[in-house]
Protein backbone atom coordinates (compact mmCIF):
# COMPACT_ATOMS: atom_id res chain seq x y z
CA MET A 1 59.10 107.57 174.45
CA THR A 2 60.97 109.55 170.79
CA LYS A 3 61.63 112.96 171.01
CA TYR A 4 60.71 115.39 168.52
CA ALA A 5 62.73 118.21 167.95
CA SER A 6 60.37 121.23 168.65
CA ASP A 7 59.12 124.04 165.35
CA LEU A 8 61.54 126.23 166.13
CA GLU A 9 64.75 123.78 166.24
CA ILE A 10 63.67 121.98 162.77
CA ALA A 11 62.89 125.47 161.34
CA GLN A 12 66.39 126.93 162.46
CA ALA A 13 68.03 123.33 160.82
CA ALA A 14 66.63 124.26 157.54
CA GLU A 15 68.80 124.11 154.71
CA LYS A 16 66.96 127.46 153.17
CA LEU A 17 67.70 128.32 148.87
CA PRO A 18 67.86 131.68 148.03
CA ILE A 19 65.30 133.81 147.62
CA TRP A 20 65.76 134.66 144.37
CA GLU A 21 66.26 130.74 143.47
CA ILE A 22 62.88 130.17 144.63
CA ALA A 23 61.31 133.14 142.68
CA GLU A 24 63.47 131.55 139.17
CA GLY A 25 60.95 128.54 140.13
CA LEU A 26 57.77 130.60 139.01
CA GLY A 27 59.06 132.47 136.48
CA ILE A 28 59.73 135.55 138.62
CA PRO A 29 62.58 137.63 137.46
CA ALA A 30 65.01 138.72 139.86
CA ASP A 31 64.72 141.94 138.77
CA ASN A 32 60.87 141.63 140.33
CA LEU A 33 61.33 140.86 143.76
CA ILE A 34 62.38 143.23 146.33
CA PRO A 35 64.47 141.07 149.02
CA TYR A 36 64.03 141.15 153.23
CA GLY A 37 67.23 139.75 153.07
CA HIS A 38 67.87 136.71 151.45
CA ASP A 39 65.04 134.25 152.39
CA LYS A 40 62.45 136.41 151.65
CA ALA A 41 61.00 138.77 149.56
CA LYS A 42 57.89 140.98 147.80
CA ILE A 43 56.81 140.59 144.28
CA ASP A 44 56.55 143.82 142.77
CA TYR A 45 53.69 145.61 140.76
CA ASP A 46 54.95 145.38 137.19
CA PHE A 47 55.32 141.86 137.22
CA LEU A 48 52.13 141.20 138.92
CA GLU A 49 50.63 142.91 136.46
CA SER A 50 52.27 141.01 133.69
CA VAL A 51 50.90 137.85 134.74
CA ARG A 52 47.18 139.44 134.96
CA ASP A 53 45.66 137.19 131.84
CA LYS A 54 47.83 134.33 132.58
CA ALA A 55 45.11 130.63 132.71
CA ASP A 56 44.09 129.87 136.37
CA GLY A 57 45.35 126.76 138.36
CA LYS A 58 43.36 125.02 140.62
CA LEU A 59 42.16 126.27 143.57
CA ILE A 60 41.88 123.90 146.68
CA LEU A 61 41.05 124.98 149.78
CA VAL A 62 42.28 123.70 153.35
CA THR A 63 40.11 124.16 156.37
CA ALA A 64 39.10 122.02 159.80
CA ILE A 65 36.59 120.61 162.43
CA SER A 66 36.11 123.07 165.16
CA PRO A 67 39.65 123.91 167.03
CA THR A 68 40.25 122.23 170.18
CA PRO A 69 43.43 122.79 172.59
CA ALA A 70 44.25 119.45 171.05
CA GLY A 71 45.02 121.37 168.09
CA GLU A 72 43.78 119.97 164.46
CA GLY A 73 47.12 121.42 162.37
CA LYS A 74 45.29 122.97 159.06
CA THR A 75 48.50 125.00 158.20
CA THR A 76 50.76 122.19 158.97
CA THR A 77 48.08 120.24 156.92
CA THR A 78 48.15 123.38 154.22
CA VAL A 79 52.04 123.02 153.90
CA GLY A 80 52.10 119.27 154.10
CA LEU A 81 49.53 118.93 150.65
CA GLY A 82 51.44 121.82 149.14
CA ASP A 83 54.68 119.80 149.43
CA GLY A 84 53.07 116.36 148.54
CA LEU A 85 52.10 118.22 145.70
CA CYS A 86 55.27 119.48 144.39
CA LYS A 87 56.93 115.35 145.49
CA LEU A 88 54.65 114.08 142.53
CA GLY A 89 55.90 116.56 140.09
CA LYS A 90 53.47 119.02 140.61
CA LYS A 91 53.64 123.08 139.99
CA ALA A 92 52.15 123.75 143.13
CA LEU A 93 51.81 127.14 145.17
CA ILE A 94 50.82 127.62 148.94
CA CYS A 95 49.27 130.87 149.95
CA LEU A 96 48.71 131.51 153.77
CA ARG A 97 47.64 133.83 155.98
CA GLU A 98 50.40 135.92 158.11
CA PRO A 99 50.66 135.38 162.01
CA SER A 100 49.42 138.56 164.28
CA LEU A 101 51.80 139.17 167.26
CA GLY A 102 49.44 139.12 169.58
CA PRO A 103 48.19 135.06 169.76
CA CYS A 104 52.03 134.71 169.08
CA PHE A 105 53.00 136.28 172.06
CA GLY A 106 49.83 134.73 174.08
CA MET A 107 48.26 131.17 173.72
CA LYS A 108 47.93 130.14 170.11
CA GLY A 109 50.93 130.35 168.66
CA GLY A 110 52.51 130.79 165.00
CA ALA A 111 50.78 130.35 161.81
CA ALA A 112 53.51 129.01 159.88
CA GLY A 113 53.58 125.19 160.30
CA GLY A 114 54.91 122.69 162.24
CA GLY A 115 57.32 119.68 162.22
CA LYS A 116 58.38 118.55 159.15
CA ALA A 117 55.49 120.83 157.31
CA GLN A 118 56.44 124.33 157.99
CA VAL A 119 57.18 127.29 156.27
CA VAL A 120 60.88 129.55 156.69
CA PRO A 121 61.64 131.57 158.00
CA MET A 122 59.65 130.73 161.20
CA THR A 123 60.81 132.83 163.54
CA ASP A 124 60.80 136.08 161.28
CA ILE A 125 57.35 134.96 159.38
CA ASN A 126 55.53 134.91 162.99
CA LEU A 127 57.11 138.34 164.82
CA HIS A 128 57.89 141.81 162.16
CA PHE A 129 58.40 139.48 158.83
CA THR A 130 58.29 142.25 155.99
CA GLY A 131 56.14 144.46 158.24
CA ASP A 132 53.12 144.76 156.93
CA PHE A 133 51.04 144.54 160.14
CA HIS A 134 52.58 147.58 161.00
CA ALA A 135 51.53 149.09 157.65
CA ILE A 136 48.45 148.69 158.51
CA GLY A 137 48.30 149.26 162.39
CA ALA A 138 49.91 152.60 161.33
CA ALA A 139 47.43 153.76 157.87
CA HIS A 140 44.50 152.89 160.94
CA ASN A 141 45.61 154.55 163.69
CA LEU A 142 46.75 158.05 161.47
CA LEU A 143 42.48 157.50 160.44
CA SER A 144 41.53 158.18 164.03
CA ALA A 145 44.55 160.37 164.62
CA VAL A 146 42.90 162.67 161.23
CA ILE A 147 39.49 161.89 163.29
CA ASP A 148 40.08 163.64 166.31
CA ASN A 149 41.66 166.12 164.56
CA HIS A 150 39.42 167.44 162.46
CA ILE A 151 36.74 167.63 165.66
CA HIS A 152 39.10 169.52 167.34
CA TRP A 153 39.63 172.14 164.96
CA GLU A 154 36.33 173.58 164.13
CA ASN A 155 34.77 170.42 163.21
CA GLN A 156 33.39 171.32 159.93
CA LEU A 157 31.80 168.32 159.29
CA ASP A 158 29.69 168.10 161.67
CA ILE A 159 30.76 164.76 163.64
CA ASP A 160 29.11 163.71 166.44
CA SER A 161 31.90 162.51 169.33
CA ARG A 162 29.34 160.01 170.97
CA ARG A 163 29.33 158.19 167.09
CA ILE A 164 32.31 157.61 165.99
CA THR A 165 32.56 153.88 164.44
CA TRP A 166 36.17 154.14 164.38
CA ARG A 167 38.61 153.02 166.78
CA ARG A 168 42.58 152.28 167.49
CA VAL A 169 44.51 149.48 166.61
CA VAL A 170 47.46 147.36 168.11
CA ASP A 171 48.61 144.15 167.12
CA MET A 172 48.77 142.73 170.55
CA ASN A 173 46.27 140.95 172.92
CA ASP A 174 45.90 144.27 175.53
CA ARG A 175 41.91 143.77 176.98
CA ALA A 176 42.71 147.17 179.24
CA LEU A 177 42.73 148.89 175.83
CA ARG A 178 39.11 147.68 174.78
CA GLU A 179 37.14 150.37 176.51
CA ILE A 180 39.45 153.98 177.04
CA THR A 181 38.36 157.41 177.67
CA SER A 182 40.85 159.43 174.98
CA GLY A 183 41.38 163.49 174.89
CA LEU A 184 41.39 163.72 178.44
CA GLY A 185 44.08 166.67 180.03
CA GLY A 186 42.08 169.77 178.95
CA PRO A 187 41.06 171.67 175.52
CA GLY A 188 44.72 171.21 174.00
CA ASN A 189 44.68 167.17 174.32
CA GLY A 190 41.22 167.25 172.23
CA ILE A 191 37.76 166.47 173.04
CA PRO A 192 36.74 163.97 175.74
CA ARG A 193 35.05 160.73 174.41
CA GLN A 194 34.91 157.06 174.97
CA ALA A 195 36.85 155.09 173.01
CA GLY A 196 38.89 151.03 172.25
CA PHE A 197 41.35 149.26 170.35
CA ASP A 198 40.60 146.55 168.22
CA ILE A 199 43.43 144.38 167.22
CA THR A 200 45.87 145.04 164.13
CA VAL A 201 43.77 141.58 162.09
CA ALA A 202 40.66 142.92 163.33
CA SER A 203 40.96 146.11 161.40
CA GLU A 204 38.82 147.46 158.44
CA ILE A 205 42.28 148.32 156.81
CA MET A 206 43.28 144.38 157.52
CA ALA A 207 39.64 143.65 155.55
CA ILE A 208 40.24 145.53 152.79
CA PHE A 209 43.94 145.10 152.76
CA CYS A 210 43.01 141.39 152.08
CA LEU A 211 39.90 142.13 149.39
CA ALA A 212 41.36 144.79 147.11
CA THR A 213 42.75 143.46 143.82
CA SER A 214 44.97 147.27 142.97
CA LEU A 215 46.48 150.13 144.11
CA ASP A 216 43.72 152.35 142.68
CA ASP A 217 40.64 149.68 144.72
CA LEU A 218 42.46 149.90 147.29
CA LYS A 219 42.34 153.58 147.49
CA GLU A 220 38.75 153.39 146.74
CA ARG A 221 38.01 151.27 149.24
CA ILE A 222 39.53 153.02 152.04
CA SER A 223 37.92 155.77 150.80
CA ASN A 224 34.33 154.44 151.05
CA ILE A 225 34.73 153.60 154.97
CA VAL A 226 32.11 154.93 157.21
CA ILE A 227 33.92 156.65 160.14
CA GLY A 228 30.88 157.75 162.15
CA TYR A 229 27.97 159.67 161.95
CA THR A 230 27.05 163.83 161.95
CA ARG A 231 24.95 165.11 164.62
CA LYS A 232 22.01 164.88 161.87
CA ARG A 233 23.30 160.94 162.29
CA GLU A 234 24.10 161.27 158.62
CA PRO A 235 27.31 159.15 157.77
CA VAL A 236 31.35 160.01 157.43
CA THR A 237 33.14 158.93 155.20
CA VAL A 238 37.10 159.07 155.10
CA ARG A 239 36.66 160.92 151.43
CA GLU A 240 35.01 163.60 153.57
CA LEU A 241 37.74 163.99 155.44
CA ASN A 242 40.71 163.91 152.89
CA VAL A 243 43.21 161.16 154.05
CA ALA A 244 42.65 157.97 151.43
CA GLY A 245 45.93 159.24 149.70
CA ALA A 246 48.20 159.62 153.29
CA MET A 247 46.96 155.81 153.71
CA VAL A 248 47.61 153.85 150.29
CA ALA A 249 51.00 155.88 150.83
CA LEU A 250 51.31 154.13 154.01
CA LEU A 251 50.22 150.53 152.48
CA ARG A 252 51.46 150.60 148.92
CA ASP A 253 54.85 148.61 149.92
CA ALA A 254 53.03 146.48 151.92
CA PHE A 255 50.44 145.65 149.18
CA GLN A 256 52.95 143.94 147.71
CA PRO A 257 52.67 139.72 148.07
CA ASN A 258 55.49 137.75 149.55
CA LEU A 259 57.52 134.93 148.75
CA VAL A 260 58.79 132.53 151.21
CA GLN A 261 59.13 128.70 151.09
CA THR A 262 59.03 125.51 152.11
CA LEU A 263 61.41 123.13 154.35
CA GLU A 264 61.67 121.38 151.14
CA ASN A 265 62.31 124.91 149.30
CA ASN A 266 58.84 124.87 147.58
CA PRO A 267 56.97 128.49 146.98
CA ALA A 268 55.09 130.04 149.64
CA LEU A 269 53.04 133.46 149.58
CA MET A 270 51.97 134.97 152.44
CA HIS A 271 50.45 137.86 152.68
CA GLY A 272 47.44 139.77 154.91
CA GLY A 273 46.11 138.26 158.27
CA PRO A 274 42.40 138.89 159.52
CA PHE A 275 41.23 136.53 162.02
CA ALA A 276 38.36 134.27 161.31
CA ASN A 277 36.51 134.32 164.17
CA ILE A 278 36.62 138.75 164.34
CA ALA A 279 36.66 139.61 160.47
CA HIS A 280 37.23 136.85 157.31
CA GLY A 281 39.83 134.77 157.85
CA CYS A 282 41.73 134.75 154.54
CA ASN A 283 44.57 135.63 153.02
CA SER A 284 44.92 138.50 150.37
CA VAL A 285 42.67 138.56 147.29
CA ILE A 286 46.18 139.32 145.41
CA ALA A 287 47.79 136.74 146.68
CA THR A 288 45.99 134.28 145.74
CA LYS A 289 45.07 135.52 142.09
CA THR A 290 48.88 135.55 141.31
CA ALA A 291 49.50 132.26 142.81
CA LEU A 292 46.71 131.12 140.56
CA LYS A 293 48.48 132.36 137.40
CA LEU A 294 51.60 130.97 138.85
CA ALA A 295 51.22 127.90 139.47
CA ASP A 296 48.55 124.13 138.04
CA PHE A 297 47.51 124.02 142.01
CA VAL A 298 47.68 126.72 144.85
CA VAL A 299 47.00 125.69 148.35
CA THR A 300 45.09 128.21 150.63
CA GLU A 301 43.61 128.16 154.27
CA ALA A 302 40.45 129.64 155.80
CA GLY A 303 40.86 130.05 159.73
CA PHE A 304 39.60 128.26 162.74
CA GLY A 305 37.29 125.76 162.10
CA ALA A 306 35.09 125.52 158.30
CA ASP A 307 31.93 126.50 160.48
CA LEU A 308 33.92 130.39 160.17
CA GLY A 309 36.85 130.60 157.85
CA ALA A 310 35.34 128.49 154.95
CA GLU A 311 31.94 130.16 155.16
CA LYS A 312 33.32 133.36 155.36
CA PHE A 313 36.07 132.10 151.98
CA PHE A 314 33.00 130.73 150.40
CA ASP A 315 30.28 133.90 150.76
CA ILE A 316 33.03 136.95 151.31
CA LYS A 317 35.98 136.43 149.54
CA CYS A 318 34.99 133.81 146.32
CA ARG A 319 32.23 136.84 145.95
CA LYS A 320 33.83 139.51 146.02
CA ALA A 321 36.83 138.26 143.97
CA GLY A 322 34.98 136.19 141.64
CA LEU A 323 36.82 132.28 143.08
CA ARG A 324 35.59 129.77 142.02
CA PRO A 325 37.19 127.04 144.19
CA ASP A 326 38.10 123.50 143.09
CA ALA A 327 37.94 121.14 146.14
CA VAL A 328 37.76 121.40 150.38
CA VAL A 329 40.03 118.99 152.12
CA LEU A 330 38.77 119.41 155.96
CA VAL A 331 41.58 118.47 158.40
CA ALA A 332 40.80 116.47 161.44
CA THR A 333 42.56 115.15 164.37
CA THR A 334 42.15 112.39 166.40
CA LYS A 335 42.74 113.57 169.38
CA ALA A 336 40.22 116.54 168.75
CA LEU A 337 37.92 114.84 167.92
CA LYS A 338 37.99 112.88 171.17
CA MET A 339 37.74 116.43 172.74
CA HIS A 340 34.80 116.50 170.97
CA GLY A 341 33.67 113.17 171.97
CA GLY A 342 34.27 114.85 175.67
CA VAL A 343 37.69 113.38 176.94
CA ALA A 344 39.75 116.27 178.81
CA LYS A 345 42.93 116.89 177.48
CA GLU A 346 45.32 115.29 179.69
CA ASN A 347 43.46 112.07 179.02
CA LEU A 348 44.03 112.04 175.00
CA ALA A 349 46.91 109.98 174.63
CA GLY A 350 45.08 106.68 174.90
CA GLU A 351 43.10 104.95 172.02
CA ASP A 352 38.99 105.67 172.77
CA VAL A 353 37.61 105.11 169.51
CA GLU A 354 34.14 105.46 171.76
CA ALA A 355 35.09 108.92 172.30
CA VAL A 356 36.46 109.34 168.38
CA ILE A 357 33.15 108.19 167.36
CA LYS A 358 30.88 110.47 168.85
CA GLY A 359 32.90 113.65 167.92
CA CYS A 360 32.97 112.92 164.47
CA GLU A 361 29.40 114.68 164.75
CA ASN A 362 31.29 117.58 164.70
CA LEU A 363 32.59 116.78 161.44
CA GLY A 364 30.18 115.40 159.94
CA ARG A 365 28.19 118.51 160.56
CA HIS A 366 30.77 120.22 158.59
CA ILE A 367 31.38 117.34 155.78
CA ARG A 368 27.63 118.43 155.59
CA ASN A 369 28.41 122.12 155.98
CA MET A 370 30.56 121.76 152.80
CA GLY A 371 28.37 120.31 150.70
CA GLN A 372 26.05 123.11 151.17
CA PHE A 373 28.40 125.12 149.10
CA GLY A 374 28.60 122.32 145.79
CA VAL A 375 32.96 122.04 146.00
CA PRO A 376 34.34 118.40 146.39
CA VAL A 377 34.97 117.56 149.71
CA THR A 378 37.50 115.28 151.07
CA VAL A 379 39.06 114.74 154.84
CA ALA A 380 42.50 114.85 156.08
CA ILE A 381 43.32 112.68 159.43
CA ASN A 382 46.54 115.07 160.17
CA HIS A 383 48.42 111.92 161.65
CA PHE A 384 49.74 111.92 165.37
CA VAL A 385 52.60 109.52 166.51
CA THR A 386 49.97 108.44 169.51
CA ASP A 387 47.43 107.37 166.97
CA THR A 388 45.69 103.60 166.00
CA ASN A 389 44.80 101.75 163.36
CA ALA A 390 41.40 101.52 165.07
CA GLU A 391 41.06 104.94 165.47
CA HIS A 392 41.66 106.13 161.47
CA GLU A 393 39.34 103.25 161.04
CA ALA A 394 36.55 104.57 162.84
CA ILE A 395 37.23 108.09 161.21
CA SER A 396 37.40 106.64 157.89
CA SER A 397 33.94 104.31 158.37
CA TYR A 398 31.98 107.47 159.63
CA CYS A 399 33.32 109.54 156.30
CA ALA A 400 32.54 106.31 154.12
CA GLU A 401 29.00 106.29 155.47
CA LEU A 402 28.66 110.37 154.37
CA GLY A 403 30.42 109.40 150.68
CA VAL A 404 33.52 111.05 151.48
CA GLU A 405 36.41 109.71 151.04
CA CYS A 406 39.71 109.87 154.08
CA THR A 407 43.31 109.97 154.08
CA VAL A 408 45.67 109.32 156.73
CA SER A 409 48.64 112.22 156.31
CA SER A 410 51.98 112.11 158.13
CA HIS A 411 53.27 115.64 156.82
CA TRP A 412 54.05 116.64 160.17
CA GLU A 413 56.81 113.62 160.83
CA HIS A 414 58.00 113.41 157.25
CA GLY A 415 57.11 116.14 154.88
CA GLY A 416 55.89 116.27 151.82
CA GLU A 417 56.25 112.36 151.46
CA GLY A 418 53.99 111.78 154.66
CA ALA A 419 51.71 114.26 152.54
CA ARG A 420 51.85 111.98 149.41
CA GLY A 421 48.77 109.94 149.88
CA LEU A 422 47.10 112.74 150.39
CA ALA A 423 48.13 114.92 147.64
CA GLU A 424 47.33 111.68 144.83
CA HIS A 425 44.02 111.45 146.36
CA VAL A 426 43.12 115.33 145.41
CA VAL A 427 44.85 115.14 142.10
CA SER A 428 42.03 112.08 141.24
CA MET A 429 39.23 113.96 142.90
CA LEU A 430 40.26 117.03 140.38
CA GLU A 431 39.91 114.72 137.90
CA ASN A 432 36.94 113.14 138.83
CA GLN A 433 34.71 115.26 140.37
CA GLN A 434 33.73 118.73 138.80
CA SER A 435 33.33 121.71 141.63
CA GLN A 436 29.53 123.12 141.37
CA PHE A 437 30.47 126.49 143.39
CA ARG A 438 27.68 128.29 144.67
CA THR A 439 27.41 131.01 147.64
CA LEU A 440 25.10 130.09 150.66
CA TYR A 441 22.73 132.92 150.39
CA ASP A 442 21.61 135.48 147.77
CA ASP A 443 22.58 139.10 148.30
CA ASN A 444 19.04 140.48 147.55
CA MET A 445 17.94 138.85 150.52
CA SER A 446 17.56 140.80 153.73
CA LEU A 447 20.51 141.31 156.05
CA TRP A 448 18.88 139.97 159.34
CA GLU A 449 17.60 137.03 156.50
CA LYS A 450 21.52 136.71 155.50
CA THR A 451 22.68 135.85 159.71
CA ARG A 452 19.91 133.68 160.82
CA HIS A 453 20.20 131.86 157.65
CA ILE A 454 24.57 131.10 158.61
CA ALA A 455 23.27 130.40 162.15
CA ARG A 456 20.47 128.21 160.87
CA THR A 457 21.97 126.34 158.01
CA ILE A 458 25.95 126.16 159.08
CA TYR A 459 25.91 126.14 163.32
CA GLY A 460 22.57 124.27 163.38
CA ALA A 461 20.70 127.28 165.25
CA GLU A 462 16.86 127.32 166.21
CA ASP A 463 17.19 131.16 165.64
CA ILE A 464 19.45 134.10 166.24
CA ILE A 465 18.24 137.39 169.08
CA ALA A 466 19.33 140.44 169.10
CA ASP A 467 17.65 143.64 171.62
CA LYS A 468 15.38 146.12 169.48
CA LYS A 469 17.97 148.21 169.21
CA VAL A 470 20.58 145.92 167.08
CA ARG A 471 17.22 144.74 165.01
CA MET A 472 16.68 148.57 164.33
CA GLN A 473 20.30 148.71 162.72
CA PHE A 474 19.45 145.65 160.30
CA ALA A 475 16.79 147.39 158.73
CA GLU A 476 18.30 151.04 158.65
CA PHE A 477 21.68 149.55 157.21
CA ASP A 478 19.22 148.09 154.80
CA LYS A 479 17.31 150.50 154.05
CA ALA A 480 20.85 152.95 153.37
CA GLY A 481 22.00 150.98 150.24
CA TYR A 482 24.31 148.29 152.31
CA ARG A 483 21.52 145.09 151.65
CA ASN A 484 23.86 143.53 149.60
CA PHE A 485 26.79 143.71 151.61
CA PRO A 486 27.73 139.62 153.23
CA ILE A 487 28.26 138.61 156.46
CA CYS A 488 31.05 138.54 158.36
CA MET A 489 29.92 136.47 161.93
CA ALA A 490 32.54 136.94 165.01
CA LYS A 491 31.85 134.65 167.04
CA THR A 492 33.58 131.85 169.29
CA GLN A 493 36.00 129.36 167.22
CA TYR A 494 35.35 126.72 169.56
CA SER A 495 31.39 125.78 169.31
CA PHE A 496 28.83 125.81 166.80
CA SER A 497 27.09 128.08 169.59
CA THR A 498 28.11 131.17 170.71
CA ASP A 499 29.34 129.31 174.11
CA PRO A 500 32.72 127.73 173.37
CA LEU A 501 32.04 124.64 175.87
CA LEU A 502 29.89 123.62 173.72
CA LEU A 503 31.82 121.05 171.93
CA GLY A 504 30.62 118.47 169.46
CA ALA A 505 27.52 119.22 166.73
CA PRO A 506 24.87 120.97 168.95
CA ASN A 507 21.37 121.70 167.40
CA GLY A 508 18.09 124.22 168.72
CA HIS A 509 20.05 126.99 170.40
CA GLU A 510 19.80 130.24 169.73
CA VAL A 511 22.86 132.81 168.59
CA PRO A 512 22.38 136.40 170.49
CA ILE A 513 23.74 139.11 168.55
CA ARG A 514 25.52 142.14 170.71
CA GLU A 515 26.83 144.17 168.43
CA ILE A 516 26.83 144.77 164.01
CA ARG A 517 29.64 146.90 162.63
CA LEU A 518 29.48 148.46 159.13
CA SER A 519 32.79 148.38 156.88
CA ALA A 520 31.16 149.84 153.78
CA GLY A 521 34.87 150.24 152.69
CA ALA A 522 35.35 145.95 153.05
CA GLY A 523 32.02 145.66 151.55
CA PHE A 524 30.16 142.96 154.53
CA LEU A 525 28.84 143.79 157.76
CA VAL A 526 30.12 142.41 160.88
CA VAL A 527 27.82 140.71 163.26
CA VAL A 528 29.43 140.01 166.88
CA CYS A 529 27.87 137.07 168.37
CA GLY A 530 27.92 136.17 172.36
CA ALA A 531 30.72 137.40 174.44
CA ILE A 532 33.12 137.07 171.58
CA MET A 533 36.32 140.35 172.07
CA THR A 534 37.70 142.20 168.94
CA MET A 535 40.70 142.90 171.04
CA PRO A 536 41.54 139.05 172.65
CA GLY A 537 43.28 139.06 176.42
CA LEU A 538 46.81 137.04 176.91
CA PRO A 539 46.31 133.94 179.24
CA ARG A 540 47.18 133.67 183.01
CA LYS A 541 50.65 131.68 181.78
CA PRO A 542 51.35 133.33 177.96
CA SER A 543 53.79 132.38 175.27
CA SER A 544 55.76 134.95 175.67
CA GLU A 545 56.71 133.82 179.14
CA ALA A 546 59.28 131.33 177.07
CA ILE A 547 60.78 133.74 174.74
CA ASP A 548 63.84 134.70 174.96
CA VAL A 549 67.14 135.26 172.98
CA ASN A 550 70.03 132.81 173.85
CA GLU A 551 73.66 133.93 174.24
CA ASN A 552 74.22 133.36 170.17
CA ARG A 553 71.31 136.13 169.65
CA ARG A 554 69.50 133.29 168.70
CA ILE A 555 65.62 133.68 169.67
CA GLU A 556 64.58 130.39 171.22
CA GLY A 557 60.57 129.62 172.91
CA LEU A 558 59.31 130.40 170.23
CA PHE A 559 56.57 127.08 169.90
């Protein structure tokens, strides 16, 4: 059996260009770069302002079927397609999210792609990168400290410590911090109260960071955050605590997009990184809008399966930012489809056309879902070396019955050259099919009806269910002026239902709503479904056990 190098070994062998040469290809002068070493840099505000009035390129979204432990390779395909477009002589630019430290040391892995379709420097990107997440965590926790300090010193706003909705964050999977009691140890340590932590990528600051269009917009959105309620149940905002300016000061440098490169020395912007299962799952608006000014083709991704990432990309990011996507590439693998068809992970290596066909029910649901948004769709089979022609033909035939073309792409093994066919098809699709983009629901629907509409039309559910307290909260938020907000569903990524073990394309299930959280600054309502956690935990054997620094001071064991 052929032994392939690990993602880390491939990345460490990469022949990178100085980042100012990558920038030069995009028309970015070296004076407008803020370098972090030789291979990554931020793009400064002066340049961002200078390109605002340029025409936009085409926006291509890469999404995927429901994820499985077998892997789908959505980021890998995003990188491969970008490299493939560049192979065709097109001016293309990739837009990706930054990875969180939590899954890097947990079980999901990083977010830099894989094989011959990666962005580099991979180790930096997957660890501290340019410090953006640290800045977001610091800004978030500054607000947490100011809230408790305000209550300690006379509490002039009459904040009810039982009704504080603002939690703390840390960028690590730490289940012990989900629910805590803070303020213990006597009067000098504050007021004892029940509190808790979320992972940084679930922070409303992260959501705002990724939706804001300027520093002024960032400050205004942060000022609008509702942190809790008074004893008279009136909302308390950050504006009243007079801390928005200091929070923006912490975020000022981080808010500038990061420029890196692929293994083939093509440009990529990486900026922001909310999870798609507990947040809205897209890179920053400022990075995407800047990319559209710099390239003719912009390839971006939305997290996890299309039922989460793509739906939120369309209904939250595009709605808020005025973006109009031109095409969707839906990624599938034979292994993942076989798992949806009922095959256990340890039995995926052998050919099983019947299981592939059965698993295509999941693919078909995603294809039909994407059709509701009016954007042309194509399917990319992310090729594994154990795939067979019969399996590929089964997927292609299934897609053809739905009127969708399917392309096998071997970018993991061959980089941009392996994605050439996919790139050619995407260009052809853009030339011959006009996007008629529309969102899934109208702004004026009630918050409950929006949530039910997502569950029924995207998840195949019969209905949503919630206890009386949660239903009353929906009605109260409607009356309080938040009716026009979009919905950000927080649910398991592994299934259309809230049961992670229910694979394929289940129908007729109910979606239980556990709680709802107002994100007044980001401008959406987070609906927490089933047993989903906004602070993940580490698995029995976390990835951190394999990571080390060797005698040559090089990181090893990172994927």
